[in-house]
Protein backbone atom coordinates (compact mmCIF):
# COMPACT_ATOMS: atom_id res chain seq x y z
CA MET A 1 5.82 -9.62 18.52
CA THR A 2 6.05 -11.46 15.21
CA HIS A 3 4.45 -9.84 12.19
CA HIS A 4 4.01 -11.60 8.87
CA CYS A 5 3.45 -10.52 5.30
CA HIS A 6 -0.26 -9.97 4.66
CA ALA A 7 -0.25 -11.86 1.37
CA HIS A 8 -2.39 -15.00 1.39
CA ASN A 9 -0.50 -17.91 3.01
CA CYS A 10 2.83 -16.03 3.20
CA THR A 11 4.72 -16.65 6.42
CA ARG A 12 7.66 -14.30 5.85
CA SER A 13 8.37 -12.04 8.80
CA VAL A 14 8.28 -8.30 8.12
CA PRO A 15 8.49 -5.25 10.39
CA PRO A 16 5.06 -4.41 11.90
CA LYS A 17 4.73 -1.19 9.89
CA MET A 18 5.26 -3.06 6.61
CA PHE A 19 2.25 -4.48 4.80
CA MET A 20 3.92 -7.24 2.81
CA CYS A 21 7.28 -8.82 2.15
CA ARG A 22 9.27 -7.36 -0.73
CA THR A 23 8.26 -10.13 -3.16
CA HIS A 24 4.54 -9.66 -2.60
CA TRP A 25 4.66 -5.87 -2.27
CA PHE A 26 6.10 -5.58 -5.78
CA MET A 27 3.17 -7.65 -7.06
CA VAL A 28 0.76 -4.94 -5.82
CA PRO A 29 -0.04 -2.42 -8.58
CA LYS A 30 1.34 1.07 -7.96
CA ASP A 31 -2.12 2.63 -7.55
CA MET A 32 -2.95 0.09 -4.82
CA GLN A 33 0.41 0.67 -3.13
CA SER A 34 -0.39 4.38 -3.12
CA ALA A 35 -3.84 3.74 -1.63
CA ILE A 36 -2.32 1.72 1.20
CA TRP A 37 0.25 4.41 2.01
CA ARG A 38 -2.31 7.20 1.64
CA THR A 39 -4.67 5.55 4.13
CA TYR A 40 -2.00 4.25 6.53
CA ARG A 41 -1.85 6.05 9.87
CA PRO A 42 1.43 5.77 11.80
CA GLY A 43 0.82 3.71 14.90
CA GLN A 44 -2.17 1.76 13.59
CA GLU A 45 -0.07 -1.39 13.70
CA ILE A 46 0.27 -0.81 17.45
CA ASP A 47 -3.24 0.27 18.44
CA LYS A 48 -4.92 -2.01 15.87
CA ARG A 49 -7.33 0.72 14.75
CA PRO A 50 -6.85 1.22 10.99
CA SER A 51 -9.39 3.29 9.11
CA ASP A 52 -12.12 1.76 6.98
CA ASP A 53 -10.37 3.17 3.92
CA TYR A 54 -7.16 1.38 4.89
CA LEU A 55 -9.05 -1.89 5.38
CA ARG A 56 -10.61 -1.56 1.92
CA ALA A 57 -7.22 -0.78 0.32
CA ALA A 58 -5.55 -3.68 2.14
CA SER A 59 -8.27 -6.11 1.12
CA ALA A 60 -7.98 -5.11 -2.53
CA ALA A 61 -4.20 -5.55 -2.45
CA VAL A 62 -4.37 -8.99 -0.82
CA LYS A 63 -6.94 -10.12 -3.38
CA LYS A 64 -4.87 -8.76 -6.28
CA VAL A 65 -1.71 -10.57 -5.16
CA ALA A 66 -3.65 -13.78 -4.57
CA ALA A 67 -5.14 -13.55 -8.07
CA LYS A 68 -1.65 -13.13 -9.52
CA GLU A 69 -0.70 -16.31 -7.67
CA GLY A 70 -3.74 -18.15 -9.06
CA VAL A 71 -5.84 -18.02 -5.89
CA THR A 72 -9.32 -16.50 -5.67
CA ILE A 73 -10.16 -14.91 -2.34
CA VAL A 74 -13.78 -13.95 -1.87
CA GLU A 75 -13.43 -12.43 1.58
CA THR A 76 -10.33 -11.29 3.45
CA GLY A 77 -9.92 -10.66 7.15
CA TYR A 78 -10.13 -6.98 6.24
CA ASP A 79 -13.58 -7.52 4.74
CA VAL A 80 -14.66 -9.31 7.91
CA ALA A 81 -13.38 -6.41 10.04
CA LEU A 82 -15.33 -3.92 7.90
CA LYS A 83 -18.53 -5.97 8.25
CA THR A 84 -18.02 -6.23 12.01
CA ARG A 85 -17.58 -2.47 12.28
CA GLU A 86 -20.69 -1.86 10.19
CA ARG A 87 -22.77 -4.16 12.39
CA ALA A 88 -21.45 -2.38 15.49
CA ARG A 89 -22.37 1.01 14.01
CA GLN A 90 -25.86 -0.22 13.13
CA GLY A 91 -26.30 -1.63 16.64
CA ALA A 92 -25.22 1.67 18.19
CA GLU A 93 -27.82 3.54 16.14
CA GLN A 94 -30.67 1.43 17.50
């Protein structure tokens, strides 16, 4: 299974448990790096079930790196996943 850096438009291959390639990871501020590691659960890259907190941290990091590269991202795939989960929760409550 091929896994790529999560930075916007980066196609570098990285191990599945790594969030970004070295170049992009070092563009992520330390507090955001800490948030990603704090919310990361070993195995989430296999079962594809990261927490909402991880999705929020990942989205913020992707947006920050994109901004440093001169790109504005309004909504990441992580934001879409969070919205999908929220709709599912709301539907389950009805």
